[in-house]
């Protein structure tokens, strides 16, 4: 009941479900003589509603909808039908339910969606809910052959209070790739870290904080370009409003398949306490002993640039900046 996952690739979702299922099965006490009761292995929860296939960067608009619900009886009726979908999801997740009941729940889910689609058409114009109702119709947790066009922790997981931990390895894709497809798709989504010349992993960072509860922990491994690149300025600014705890630089050669230098950033969703420390991994075997790295305090981080240095190197760097002249000024 503690783990949830979302990915836009159907195969990634299937692999995550399989991995979780194997973990649960291997931890079970296997009783070869108890064939009647599934060899002593308890029924597993329905993982369709634990790992979902969706475009996590697109919001459902559910919160905006809730702001208007109390003003109109028809909206309240629509909200009741949406809540019914959530209840059907919750019951379907229960591993104790029999197959026939699960089939009934699935049918009820589709019938409720069809009712919403046909009976609330007038709301599209009167309350400008066309996009919202399209997303309700697009939500199909029983079919992961294609991703949902949006992501909603409330609808898909029943989580309205934020997660305790967000962990991931978001994609590193330039916004301008494919004739600016991602840049155009996300330009009006309200992300503060949106940079048309940037990389999509910056927006995933922002989304991670958005879905965290207060004081929740955010841990990503990403490209290190945000540390110094111009497009990373808005992301560095965001991090300074949160509480970054540990920055771990992963040098070249740590991952054979990586074509860029990477880093791990651990932060909490709370105000900055200025306690950031940084360390550097230079050998792959150090990944198994990250707590044993030599960490340096990083009191000098600014919106302009972040760097992992010990006190001596930092002091030299500050003197050079104070007395020298930047190349761009020559």
C-alpha atoms as a PDB file:
ATOM      1  CA  UNK A   1       0.000   0.000   0.000  1.00  0.00           C
ATOM      2  CA  UNK A   2       3.025   2.294   0.105  1.00  0.00           C
ATOM      3  CA  UNK A   3       4.454   2.225  -3.412  1.00  0.00           C
ATOM      4  CA  UNK A   4       3.094   3.935  -6.512  1.00  0.00           C
ATOM      5  CA  UNK A   5       4.631   4.456  -9.929  1.00  0.00           C
ATOM      6  CA  UNK A   6       3.953   6.314 -13.159  1.00  0.00           C
ATOM      7  CA  UNK A   7       5.670   6.178 -16.546  1.00  0.00           C
ATOM      8  CA  UNK A   8       4.688   7.159 -20.062  1.00  0.00           C
ATOM      9  CA  UNK A   9       6.063   3.910 -21.541  1.00  0.00           C
ATOM     10  CA  UNK A  10       3.720   0.883 -21.287  1.00  0.00           C
ATOM     11  CA  UNK A  11       6.661  -1.551 -21.181  1.00  0.00           C
ATOM     12  CA  UNK A  12       8.247   0.294 -18.250  1.00  0.00           C
ATOM     13  CA  UNK A  13       4.978   0.012 -16.328  1.00  0.00           C
ATOM     14  CA  UNK A  14       4.700  -3.716 -17.015  1.00  0.00           C
ATOM     15  CA  UNK A  15       8.290  -4.317 -15.890  1.00  0.00           C
ATOM     16  CA  UNK A  16       7.672  -2.362 -12.661  1.00  0.00           C
ATOM     17  CA  UNK A  17       4.570  -4.421 -11.893  1.00  0.00           C
ATOM     18  CA  UNK A  18       6.411  -7.668 -12.580  1.00  0.00           C
ATOM     19  CA  UNK A  19       9.320  -6.611 -10.369  1.00  0.00           C
ATOM     20  CA  UNK A  20       6.988  -5.736  -7.493  1.00  0.00           C
ATOM     21  CA  UNK A  21       5.045  -8.964  -7.916  1.00  0.00           C
ATOM     22  CA  UNK A  22       8.236 -11.047  -7.830  1.00  0.00           C
ATOM     23  CA  UNK A  23       9.418  -9.260  -4.692  1.00  0.00           C
ATOM     24  CA  UNK A  24       6.153 -10.022  -2.903  1.00  0.00           C
ATOM     25  CA  UNK A  25       6.091 -13.627  -4.113  1.00  0.00           C
ATOM     26  CA  UNK A  26       9.682 -14.292  -3.062  1.00  0.00           C
ATOM     27  CA  UNK A  27       9.073 -12.933   0.426  1.00  0.00           C
ATOM     28  CA  UNK A  28       6.038 -15.184   0.944  1.00  0.00           C
ATOM     29  CA  UNK A  29       6.319 -18.394   2.952  1.00  0.00           C
ATOM     30  CA  UNK A  30       5.906 -21.111   0.330  1.00  0.00           C
ATOM     31  CA  UNK A  31       4.059 -24.251   1.515  1.00  0.00           C
ATOM     32  CA  UNK A  32       4.273 -26.919  -1.225  1.00  0.00           C
ATOM     33  CA  UNK A  33       1.781 -29.183   0.531  1.00  0.00           C
ATOM     34  CA  UNK A  34      -0.935 -26.505   0.743  1.00  0.00           C
ATOM     35  CA  UNK A  35      -1.989 -26.612  -2.920  1.00  0.00           C
ATOM     36  CA  UNK A  36      -5.610 -25.823  -2.060  1.00  0.00           C
ATOM     37  CA  UNK A  37      -4.691 -22.412  -0.603  1.00  0.00           C
ATOM     38  CA  UNK A  38      -2.280 -21.303  -3.318  1.00  0.00           C
ATOM     39  CA  UNK A  39       0.685 -22.936  -1.535  1.00  0.00           C
ATOM     40  CA  UNK A  40       0.337 -20.526   1.377  1.00  0.00           C
ATOM     41  CA  UNK A  41       1.005 -17.427  -0.762  1.00  0.00           C
ATOM     42  CA  UNK A  42      -1.461 -14.630  -0.050  1.00  0.00           C
ATOM     43  CA  UNK A  43      -3.337 -13.033  -2.924  1.00  0.00           C
ATOM     44  CA  UNK A  44      -1.473 -10.032  -4.312  1.00  0.00           C
ATOM     45  CA  UNK A  45      -3.100  -6.621  -4.769  1.00  0.00           C
ATOM     46  CA  UNK A  46      -4.188  -5.527  -8.217  1.00  0.00           C
ATOM     47  CA  UNK A  47      -1.148  -3.667  -9.493  1.00  0.00           C
ATOM     48  CA  UNK A  48      -3.071  -2.044 -12.362  1.00  0.00           C
ATOM     49  CA  UNK A  49      -3.917   0.753  -9.953  1.00  0.00           C
ATOM     50  CA  UNK A  50      -0.454   0.938  -8.381  1.00  0.00           C
ATOM     51  CA  UNK A  51       1.682   1.462 -11.479  1.00  0.00           C
ATOM     52  CA  UNK A  52      -0.052   3.547 -14.118  1.00  0.00           C
ATOM     53  CA  UNK A  53       0.840   4.496 -17.674  1.00  0.00           C
ATOM     54  CA  UNK A  54       0.395   8.255 -18.031  1.00  0.00           C
ATOM     55  CA  UNK A  55       1.922  11.531 -19.126  1.00  0.00           C
ATOM     56  CA  UNK A  56       2.842  12.747 -15.651  1.00  0.00           C
ATOM     57  CA  UNK A  57       3.721  16.309 -16.735  1.00  0.00           C
ATOM     58  CA  UNK A  58       0.127  17.118 -17.755  1.00  0.00           C
ATOM     59  CA  UNK A  59      -2.223  17.959 -14.891  1.00  0.00           C
ATOM     60  CA  UNK A  60      -5.799  16.651 -14.775  1.00  0.00           C
ATOM     61  CA  UNK A  61      -7.388  19.993 -13.865  1.00  0.00           C
ATOM     62  CA  UNK A  62      -9.163  18.237 -10.988  1.00  0.00           C
ATOM     63  CA  UNK A  63      -8.230  20.894  -8.398  1.00  0.00           C
ATOM     64  CA  UNK A  64      -9.580  23.683 -10.614  1.00  0.00           C
ATOM     65  CA  UNK A  65     -12.806  21.721 -11.029  1.00  0.00           C
ATOM     66  CA  UNK A  66     -13.204  21.302  -7.246  1.00  0.00           C
ATOM     67  CA  UNK A  67     -12.986  25.066  -6.734  1.00  0.00           C
ATOM     68  CA  UNK A  68     -16.283  25.493  -8.643  1.00  0.00           C
ATOM     69  CA  UNK A  69     -18.183  22.434  -7.380  1.00  0.00           C
ATOM     70  CA  UNK A  70     -19.988  24.152  -4.511  1.00  0.00           C
ATOM     71  CA  UNK A  71     -21.478  26.782  -6.835  1.00  0.00           C
ATOM     72  CA  UNK A  72     -23.643  24.478  -8.932  1.00  0.00           C
ATOM     73  CA  UNK A  73     -25.828  21.431  -8.275  1.00  0.00           C
ATOM     74  CA  UNK A  74     -24.985  19.862 -11.649  1.00  0.00           C
ATOM     75  CA  UNK A  75     -21.271  20.143 -10.866  1.00  0.00           C
ATOM     76  CA  UNK A  76     -21.926  18.499  -7.499  1.00  0.00           C
ATOM     77  CA  UNK A  77     -23.711  15.646  -9.277  1.00  0.00           C
ATOM     78  CA  UNK A  78     -20.765  15.269 -11.660  1.00  0.00           C
ATOM     79  CA  UNK A  79     -18.403  15.237  -8.697  1.00  0.00           C
ATOM     80  CA  UNK A  80     -20.444  12.415  -7.177  1.00  0.00           C
ATOM     81  CA  UNK A  81     -20.016  10.331 -10.332  1.00  0.00           C
ATOM     82  CA  UNK A  82     -16.256  10.963 -10.340  1.00  0.00           C
ATOM     83  CA  UNK A  83     -16.087   9.886  -6.699  1.00  0.00           C
ATOM     84  CA  UNK A  84     -17.946   6.719  -7.699  1.00  0.00           C
ATOM     85  CA  UNK A  85     -15.124   5.964 -10.155  1.00  0.00           C
ATOM     86  CA  UNK A  86     -12.648   6.338  -7.294  1.00  0.00           C
ATOM     87  CA  UNK A  87     -14.634   3.974  -5.039  1.00  0.00           C
ATOM     88  CA  UNK A  88     -14.777   1.363  -7.811  1.00  0.00           C
ATOM     89  CA  UNK A  89     -11.008   1.644  -8.175  1.00  0.00           C
ATOM     90  CA  UNK A  90     -10.486   1.167  -4.431  1.00  0.00           C
ATOM     91  CA  UNK A  91     -12.660  -1.957  -4.308  1.00  0.00           C
ATOM     92  CA  UNK A  92     -11.034  -3.419  -7.422  1.00  0.00           C
ATOM     93  CA  UNK A  93      -7.615  -3.100  -5.768  1.00  0.00           C
ATOM     94  CA  UNK A  94      -8.660  -5.381  -2.886  1.00  0.00           C
ATOM     95  CA  UNK A  95      -6.982  -8.786  -3.478  1.00  0.00           C
ATOM     96  CA  UNK A  96      -9.766 -10.630  -1.630  1.00  0.00           C
ATOM     97  CA  UNK A  97     -12.375  -9.896  -4.298  1.00  0.00           C
ATOM     98  CA  UNK A  98     -13.382 -12.774  -6.576  1.00  0.00           C
ATOM     99  CA  UNK A  99     -12.970 -12.678 -10.352  1.00  0.00           C
ATOM    100  CA  UNK A 100     -16.684 -12.284 -11.041  1.00  0.00           C
ATOM    101  CA  UNK A 101     -16.947  -9.284  -8.748  1.00  0.00           C
ATOM    102  CA  UNK A 102     -13.904  -7.697 -10.365  1.00  0.00           C
ATOM    103  CA  UNK A 103     -15.540  -8.102 -13.794  1.00  0.00           C
ATOM    104  CA  UNK A 104     -18.671  -6.419 -12.409  1.00  0.00           C
ATOM    105  CA  UNK A 105     -16.597  -3.538 -11.023  1.00  0.00           C
ATOM    106  CA  UNK A 106     -14.906  -3.061 -14.370  1.00  0.00           C
ATOM    107  CA  UNK A 107     -18.272  -2.923 -16.136  1.00  0.00           C
ATOM    108  CA  UNK A 108     -19.588  -0.440 -13.570  1.00  0.00           C
ATOM    109  CA  UNK A 109     -16.516   1.714 -14.137  1.00  0.00           C
ATOM    110  CA  UNK A 110     -17.101   1.861 -17.900  1.00  0.00           C
ATOM    111  CA  UNK A 111     -20.840   2.503 -17.476  1.00  0.00           C
ATOM    112  CA  UNK A 112     -20.181   5.371 -15.083  1.00  0.00           C
ATOM    113  CA  UNK A 113     -17.685   6.910 -17.490  1.00  0.00           C
ATOM    114  CA  UNK A 114     -20.163   6.620 -20.356  1.00  0.00           C
ATOM    115  CA  UNK A 115     -22.845   8.261 -18.202  1.00  0.00           C
ATOM    116  CA  UNK A 116     -20.494  11.160 -17.431  1.00  0.00           C
ATOM    117  CA  UNK A 117     -19.634  11.493 -21.111  1.00  0.00           C
ATOM    118  CA  UNK A 118     -23.230  11.657 -22.323  1.00  0.00           C
ATOM    119  CA  UNK A 119     -25.074  13.345 -19.457  1.00  0.00           C
ATOM    120  CA  UNK A 120     -22.792  16.279 -18.707  1.00  0.00           C
ATOM    121  CA  UNK A 121     -22.065  17.596 -22.185  1.00  0.00           C
ATOM    122  CA  UNK A 122     -23.685  20.962 -21.413  1.00  0.00           C
ATOM    123  CA  UNK A 123     -20.958  21.672 -18.851  1.00  0.00           C
ATOM    124  CA  UNK A 124     -18.334  21.872 -21.564  1.00  0.00           C
ATOM    125  CA  UNK A 125     -19.473  25.338 -22.608  1.00  0.00           C
ATOM    126  CA  UNK A 126     -21.222  26.731 -19.536  1.00  0.00           C
ATOM    127  CA  UNK A 127     -18.298  25.958 -17.204  1.00  0.00           C
ATOM    128  CA  UNK A 128     -15.523  25.593 -19.782  1.00  0.00           C
ATOM    129  CA  UNK A 129     -14.990  21.963 -18.752  1.00  0.00           C
ATOM    130  CA  UNK A 130     -14.317  20.513 -22.184  1.00  0.00           C
ATOM    131  CA  UNK A 131     -10.676  19.659 -21.481  1.00  0.00           C
ATOM    132  CA  UNK A 132     -11.506  18.325 -18.018  1.00  0.00           C
ATOM    133  CA  UNK A 133     -14.302  16.039 -19.240  1.00  0.00           C
ATOM    134  CA  UNK A 134     -12.065  14.772 -22.041  1.00  0.00           C
ATOM    135  CA  UNK A 135      -9.511  13.735 -19.421  1.00  0.00           C
ATOM    136  CA  UNK A 136     -12.184  11.975 -17.345  1.00  0.00           C
ATOM    137  CA  UNK A 137     -13.145  10.011 -20.447  1.00  0.00           C
ATOM    138  CA  UNK A 138      -9.471   9.287 -21.187  1.00  0.00           C
ATOM    139  CA  UNK A 139      -8.855   7.712 -17.777  1.00  0.00           C
ATOM    140  CA  UNK A 140      -8.856   3.928 -18.269  1.00  0.00           C
ATOM    141  CA  UNK A 141      -6.822   2.058 -15.624  1.00  0.00           C
ATOM    142  CA  UNK A 142      -7.716  -1.280 -17.252  1.00  0.00           C
ATOM    143  CA  UNK A 143      -5.875  -0.550 -20.483  1.00  0.00           C
ATOM    144  CA  UNK A 144      -2.182   0.340 -20.437  1.00  0.00           C
ATOM    145  CA  UNK A 145      -1.567  -0.231 -24.124  1.00  0.00           C
ATOM    146  CA  UNK A 146      -1.371   3.561 -24.433  1.00  0.00           C
ATOM    147  CA  UNK A 147      -0.603   6.230 -21.832  1.00  0.00           C
ATOM    148  CA  UNK A 148      -3.256   8.408 -20.267  1.00  0.00           C
ATOM    149  CA  UNK A 149      -2.981  11.994 -21.528  1.00  0.00           C
ATOM    150  CA  UNK A 150      -2.591  13.316 -17.959  1.00  0.00           C
ATOM    151  CA  UNK A 151      -1.591  12.322 -14.428  1.00  0.00           C
ATOM    152  CA  UNK A 152      -3.603  12.751 -11.240  1.00  0.00           C
ATOM    153  CA  UNK A 153      -2.466  11.288  -7.885  1.00  0.00           C
ATOM    154  CA  UNK A 154      -5.994  11.910  -6.566  1.00  0.00           C
ATOM    155  CA  UNK A 155      -7.845  10.015  -9.313  1.00  0.00           C
ATOM    156  CA  UNK A 156      -5.293   7.330 -10.024  1.00  0.00           C
ATOM    157  CA  UNK A 157      -3.981   6.603  -6.523  1.00  0.00           C
ATOM    158  CA  UNK A 158      -6.471   8.206  -4.135  1.00  0.00           C
ATOM    159  CA  UNK A 159      -3.629  10.376  -2.786  1.00  0.00           C
ATOM    160  CA  UNK A 160      -4.672  13.927  -1.941  1.00  0.00           C
ATOM    161  CA  UNK A 161      -2.187  14.757   0.795  1.00  0.00           C
ATOM    162  CA  UNK A 162       1.087  14.341  -1.079  1.00  0.00           C
ATOM    163  CA  UNK A 163       3.658  11.560  -1.094  1.00  0.00           C
ATOM    164  CA  UNK A 164       6.301  11.005   1.593  1.00  0.00           C
ATOM    165  CA  UNK A 165       9.042  10.314  -0.950  1.00  0.00           C
ATOM    166  CA  UNK A 166       9.432  10.983  -4.666  1.00  0.00           C
ATOM    167  CA  UNK A 167      12.245   9.094  -6.351  1.00  0.00           C
ATOM    168  CA  UNK A 168      13.085   8.717 -10.005  1.00  0.00           C
ATOM    169  CA  UNK A 169      15.331   8.992 -13.028  1.00  0.00           C
ATOM    170  CA  UNK A 170      13.436  11.335 -15.363  1.00  0.00           C
ATOM    171  CA  UNK A 171      14.266  11.461 -19.068  1.00  0.00           C
ATOM    172  CA  UNK A 172      16.913  13.863 -20.346  1.00  0.00           C
ATOM    173  CA  UNK A 173      15.285  15.310 -23.467  1.00  0.00           C
ATOM    174  CA  UNK A 174      15.848  18.797 -24.859  1.00  0.00           C
ATOM    175  CA  UNK A 175      12.614  20.771 -25.123  1.00  0.00           C
ATOM    176  CA  UNK A 176      13.504  21.841 -28.665  1.00  0.00           C
ATOM    177  CA  UNK A 177      13.833  18.268 -29.925  1.00  0.00           C
ATOM    178  CA  UNK A 178      11.382  17.102 -32.624  1.00  0.00           C
ATOM    179  CA  UNK A 179      10.707  20.664 -33.762  1.00  0.00           C
ATOM    180  CA  UNK A 180       9.945  21.791 -30.225  1.00  0.00           C
ATOM    181  CA  UNK A 181       7.199  19.228 -29.570  1.00  0.00           C
ATOM    182  CA  UNK A 182       7.708  19.200 -25.780  1.00  0.00           C
ATOM    183  CA  UNK A 183       8.274  22.956 -25.629  1.00  0.00           C
ATOM    184  CA  UNK A 184       4.944  23.583 -27.349  1.00  0.00           C
ATOM    185  CA  UNK A 185       3.110  20.985 -25.286  1.00  0.00           C
ATOM    186  CA  UNK A 186       4.271  22.394 -21.939  1.00  0.00           C
ATOM    187  CA  UNK A 187       4.531  26.125 -22.582  1.00  0.00           C
ATOM    188  CA  UNK A 188       1.121  26.917 -21.006  1.00  0.00           C
ATOM    189  CA  UNK A 189       1.279  24.347 -18.191  1.00  0.00           C
ATOM    190  CA  UNK A 190       2.343  26.866 -15.552  1.00  0.00           C
ATOM    191  CA  UNK A 191       5.739  25.382 -14.681  1.00  0.00           C
ATOM    192  CA  UNK A 192       8.174  27.921 -13.219  1.00  0.00           C
ATOM    193  CA  UNK A 193      11.156  25.932 -14.489  1.00  0.00           C
ATOM    194  CA  UNK A 194       9.922  25.942 -18.078  1.00  0.00           C
ATOM    195  CA  UNK A 195      12.689  27.065 -20.426  1.00  0.00           C
ATOM    196  CA  UNK A 196      12.143  26.651 -24.144  1.00  0.00           C
ATOM    197  CA  UNK A 197      15.855  26.003 -24.620  1.00  0.00           C
ATOM    198  CA  UNK A 198      16.055  23.732 -21.568  1.00  0.00           C
ATOM    199  CA  UNK A 199      15.639  20.064 -20.752  1.00  0.00           C
ATOM    200  CA  UNK A 200      12.462  18.317 -19.673  1.00  0.00           C
ATOM    201  CA  UNK A 201      14.050  16.826 -16.519  1.00  0.00           C
ATOM    202  CA  UNK A 202      13.897  20.318 -14.959  1.00  0.00           C
ATOM    203  CA  UNK A 203      10.103  20.208 -15.100  1.00  0.00           C
ATOM    204  CA  UNK A 204      10.083  16.735 -13.571  1.00  0.00           C
ATOM    205  CA  UNK A 205      11.994  18.173 -10.600  1.00  0.00           C
ATOM    206  CA  UNK A 206       9.298  20.806 -10.135  1.00  0.00           C
ATOM    207  CA  UNK A 207       6.526  18.234 -10.478  1.00  0.00           C
ATOM    208  CA  UNK A 208       8.230  16.090  -7.823  1.00  0.00           C
ATOM    209  CA  UNK A 209       7.996  18.889  -5.273  1.00  0.00           C
ATOM    210  CA  UNK A 210       4.413  19.599  -6.316  1.00  0.00           C
ATOM    211  CA  UNK A 211       3.218  16.079  -5.452  1.00  0.00           C
ATOM    212  CA  UNK A 212       5.216  15.826  -2.192  1.00  0.00           C
ATOM    213  CA  UNK A 213       3.696  16.428   1.207  1.00  0.00           C
ATOM    214  CA  UNK A 214       5.287  19.121   3.353  1.00  0.00           C
ATOM    215  CA  UNK A 215       8.758  17.963   4.505  1.00  0.00           C
ATOM    216  CA  UNK A 216       8.601  15.041   2.068  1.00  0.00           C
ATOM    217  CA  UNK A 217      11.884  13.868   0.535  1.00  0.00           C
ATOM    218  CA  UNK A 218      12.764  14.398  -3.132  1.00  0.00           C
ATOM    219  CA  UNK A 219      15.513  12.246  -4.707  1.00  0.00           C
ATOM    220  CA  UNK A 220      16.372  12.285  -8.415  1.00  0.00           C
ATOM    221  CA  UNK A 221      19.305  11.206 -10.510  1.00  0.00           C
ATOM    222  CA  UNK A 222      19.653  13.422 -13.581  1.00  0.00           C
ATOM    223  CA  UNK A 223      22.085  15.083 -15.934  1.00  0.00           C
ATOM    224  CA  UNK A 224      24.383  17.581 -14.172  1.00  0.00           C
ATOM    225  CA  UNK A 225      23.908  20.327 -16.756  1.00  0.00           C
ATOM    226  CA  UNK A 226      21.482  22.238 -14.540  1.00  0.00           C
ATOM    227  CA  UNK A 227      24.383  23.081 -12.188  1.00  0.00           C
ATOM    228  CA  UNK A 228      25.881  25.635 -14.582  1.00  0.00           C
ATOM    229  CA  UNK A 229      23.822  25.885 -17.787  1.00  0.00           C
ATOM    230  CA  UNK A 230      21.843  29.034 -18.499  1.00  0.00           C
ATOM    231  CA  UNK A 231      18.590  27.076 -18.799  1.00  0.00           C
ATOM    232  CA  UNK A 232      19.189  25.701 -15.288  1.00  0.00           C
ATOM    233  CA  UNK A 233      18.858  29.102 -13.649  1.00  0.00           C
ATOM    234  CA  UNK A 234      15.132  28.783 -12.979  1.00  0.00           C
ATOM    235  CA  UNK A 235      15.710  25.279 -11.567  1.00  0.00           C
ATOM    236  CA  UNK A 236      18.544  26.475  -9.286  1.00  0.00           C
ATOM    237  CA  UNK A 237      16.205  29.233  -8.121  1.00  0.00           C
ATOM    238  CA  UNK A 238      13.529  26.641  -7.307  1.00  0.00           C
ATOM    239  CA  UNK A 239      15.986  24.528  -5.304  1.00  0.00           C
ATOM    240  CA  UNK A 240      16.965  27.526  -3.182  1.00  0.00           C
ATOM    241  CA  UNK A 241      13.314  27.901  -2.122  1.00  0.00           C
ATOM    242  CA  UNK A 242      13.355  24.267  -0.955  1.00  0.00           C
ATOM    243  CA  UNK A 243      15.773  22.529   1.424  1.00  0.00           C
ATOM    244  CA  UNK A 244      18.532  20.775  -0.550  1.00  0.00           C
ATOM    245  CA  UNK A 245      20.424  18.390   1.720  1.00  0.00           C
ATOM    246  CA  UNK A 246      22.931  16.457  -0.355  1.00  0.00           C
ATOM    247  CA  UNK A 247      24.363  16.804  -3.855  1.00  0.00           C
ATOM    248  CA  UNK A 248      26.332  13.817  -5.148  1.00  0.00           C
ATOM    249  CA  UNK A 249      28.268  14.290  -8.383  1.00  0.00           C
ATOM    250  CA  UNK A 250      28.747  11.137 -10.461  1.00  0.00           C
ATOM    251  CA  UNK A 251      31.786  11.623 -12.630  1.00  0.00           C
ATOM    252  CA  UNK A 252      32.463  10.203 -16.115  1.00  0.00           C
ATOM    253  CA  UNK A 253      32.585   6.433 -16.433  1.00  0.00           C
ATOM    254  CA  UNK A 254      30.369   5.705 -13.428  1.00  0.00           C
ATOM    255  CA  UNK A 255      27.620   4.400 -15.707  1.00  0.00           C
ATOM    256  CA  UNK A 256      28.719   2.769 -18.943  1.00  0.00           C
ATOM    257  CA  UNK A 257      25.547   3.735 -20.816  1.00  0.00           C
ATOM    258  CA  UNK A 258      25.481   7.380 -19.687  1.00  0.00           C
ATOM    259  CA  UNK A 259      26.577   9.907 -22.301  1.00  0.00           C
ATOM    260  CA  UNK A 260      26.450  12.850 -19.853  1.00  0.00           C
ATOM    261  CA  UNK A 261      27.727  13.453 -16.339  1.00  0.00           C
ATOM    262  CA  UNK A 262      25.019  12.833 -13.777  1.00  0.00           C
ATOM    263  CA  UNK A 263      24.214  13.725 -10.188  1.00  0.00           C
ATOM    264  CA  UNK A 264      21.925  12.753  -7.334  1.00  0.00           C
ATOM    265  CA  UNK A 265      20.155  15.547  -5.458  1.00  0.00           C
ATOM    266  CA  UNK A 266      18.377  14.849  -2.181  1.00  0.00           C
ATOM    267  CA  UNK A 267      16.116  17.633  -0.909  1.00  0.00           C
ATOM    268  CA  UNK A 268      13.158  18.170   1.408  1.00  0.00           C
ATOM    269  CA  UNK A 269       9.962  20.000   0.565  1.00  0.00           C
ATOM    270  CA  UNK A 270      10.410  22.740   3.143  1.00  0.00           C
ATOM    271  CA  UNK A 271      12.131  26.110   3.517  1.00  0.00           C
ATOM    272  CA  UNK A 272      15.883  26.217   2.948  1.00  0.00           C
ATOM    273  CA  UNK A 273      17.976  25.512   6.058  1.00  0.00           C
ATOM    274  CA  UNK A 274      21.278  26.187   4.222  1.00  0.00           C
ATOM    275  CA  UNK A 275      22.696  22.801   5.208  1.00  0.00           C
ATOM    276  CA  UNK A 276      23.598  21.549   1.727  1.00  0.00           C
ATOM    277  CA  UNK A 277      26.671  19.320   1.442  1.00  0.00           C
ATOM    278  CA  UNK A 278      28.277  17.898  -1.678  1.00  0.00           C
ATOM    279  CA  UNK A 279      30.382  14.880  -2.536  1.00  0.00           C
ATOM    280  CA  UNK A 280      31.843  13.260  -5.637  1.00  0.00           C
ATOM    281  CA  UNK A 281      31.814   9.619  -6.746  1.00  0.00           C
ATOM    282  CA  UNK A 282      34.931   8.786  -8.765  1.00  0.00           C
ATOM    283  CA  UNK A 283      34.744   4.976  -8.760  1.00  0.00           C
ATOM    284  CA  UNK A 284      31.646   2.841  -9.491  1.00  0.00           C
ATOM    285  CA  UNK A 285      32.125   0.777  -6.317  1.00  0.00           C
ATOM    286  CA  UNK A 286      31.559   3.934  -4.247  1.00  0.00           C
ATOM    287  CA  UNK A 287      27.895   3.850  -5.259  1.00  0.00           C
ATOM    288  CA  UNK A 288      27.383   1.116  -2.666  1.00  0.00           C
ATOM    289  CA  UNK A 289      28.829   3.320   0.095  1.00  0.00           C
ATOM    290  CA  UNK A 290      27.464   6.807  -0.506  1.00  0.00           C
ATOM    291  CA  UNK A 291      27.330   7.590   3.214  1.00  0.00           C
ATOM    292  CA  UNK A 292      31.101   7.109   3.370  1.00  0.00           C
ATOM    293  CA  UNK A 293      31.877   9.765   0.754  1.00  0.00           C
ATOM    294  CA  UNK A 294      33.775  12.876   1.767  1.00  0.00           C
ATOM    295  CA  UNK A 295      31.156  15.608   1.857  1.00  0.00           C
ATOM    296  CA  UNK A 296      31.849  19.351   1.855  1.00  0.00           C
ATOM    297  CA  UNK A 297      29.582  22.131   3.015  1.00  0.00           C
ATOM    298  CA  UNK A 298      28.189  24.212   0.145  1.00  0.00           C
ATOM    299  CA  UNK A 299      27.276  27.580   1.656  1.00  0.00           C
ATOM    300  CA  UNK A 300      28.137  29.429  -1.554  1.00  0.00           C
ATOM    301  CA  UNK A 301      25.391  28.137  -3.854  1.00  0.00           C
ATOM    302  CA  UNK A 302      23.531  30.872  -5.703  1.00  0.00           C
ATOM    303  CA  UNK A 303      21.034  31.195  -8.518  1.00  0.00           C
ATOM    304  CA  UNK A 304      23.979  31.733 -10.862  1.00  0.00           C
ATOM    305  CA  UNK A 305      26.008  28.580 -10.207  1.00  0.00           C
ATOM    306  CA  UNK A 306      26.449  25.549  -7.963  1.00  0.00           C
ATOM    307  CA  UNK A 307      29.789  23.832  -7.433  1.00  0.00           C
ATOM    308  CA  UNK A 308      31.074  21.055  -5.167  1.00  0.00           C
ATOM    309  CA  UNK A 309      34.362  22.241  -3.649  1.00  0.00           C
ATOM    310  CA  UNK A 310      36.230  21.835  -0.389  1.00  0.00           C
ATOM    311  CA  UNK A 311      36.939  24.986   1.630  1.00  0.00           C
ATOM    312  CA  UNK A 312      40.396  25.484   0.120  1.00  0.00           C
ATOM    313  CA  UNK A 313      39.254  25.320  -3.493  1.00  0.00           C
ATOM    314  CA  UNK A 314      36.235  27.462  -2.710  1.00  0.00           C
ATOM    315  CA  UNK A 315      38.440  30.130  -1.142  1.00  0.00           C
ATOM    316  CA  UNK A 316      40.695  30.207  -4.225  1.00  0.00           C
ATOM    317  CA  UNK A 317      37.673  30.385  -6.497  1.00  0.00           C
ATOM    318  CA  UNK A 318      36.249  33.345  -4.570  1.00  0.00           C
ATOM    319  CA  UNK A 319      39.580  35.229  -4.740  1.00  0.00           C
ATOM    320  CA  UNK A 320      39.837  34.681  -8.508  1.00  0.00           C
ATOM    321  CA  UNK A 321      36.291  35.973  -8.980  1.00  0.00           C
ATOM    322  CA  UNK A 322      36.976  38.995  -6.782  1.00  0.00           C
ATOM    323  CA  UNK A 323      40.223  40.061  -8.485  1.00  0.00           C
ATOM    324  CA  UNK A 324      39.858  38.589 -11.970  1.00  0.00           C
ATOM    325  CA  UNK A 325      37.823  39.560 -14.998  1.00  0.00           C
ATOM    326  CA  UNK A 326      35.327  37.173 -16.587  1.00  0.00           C
ATOM    327  CA  UNK A 327      36.102  36.125 -20.176  1.00  0.00           C
ATOM    328  CA  UNK A 328      32.713  37.342 -21.333  1.00  0.00           C
ATOM    329  CA  UNK A 329      33.703  40.855 -20.257  1.00  0.00           C
ATOM    330  CA  UNK A 330      36.855  40.977 -22.410  1.00  0.00           C
END
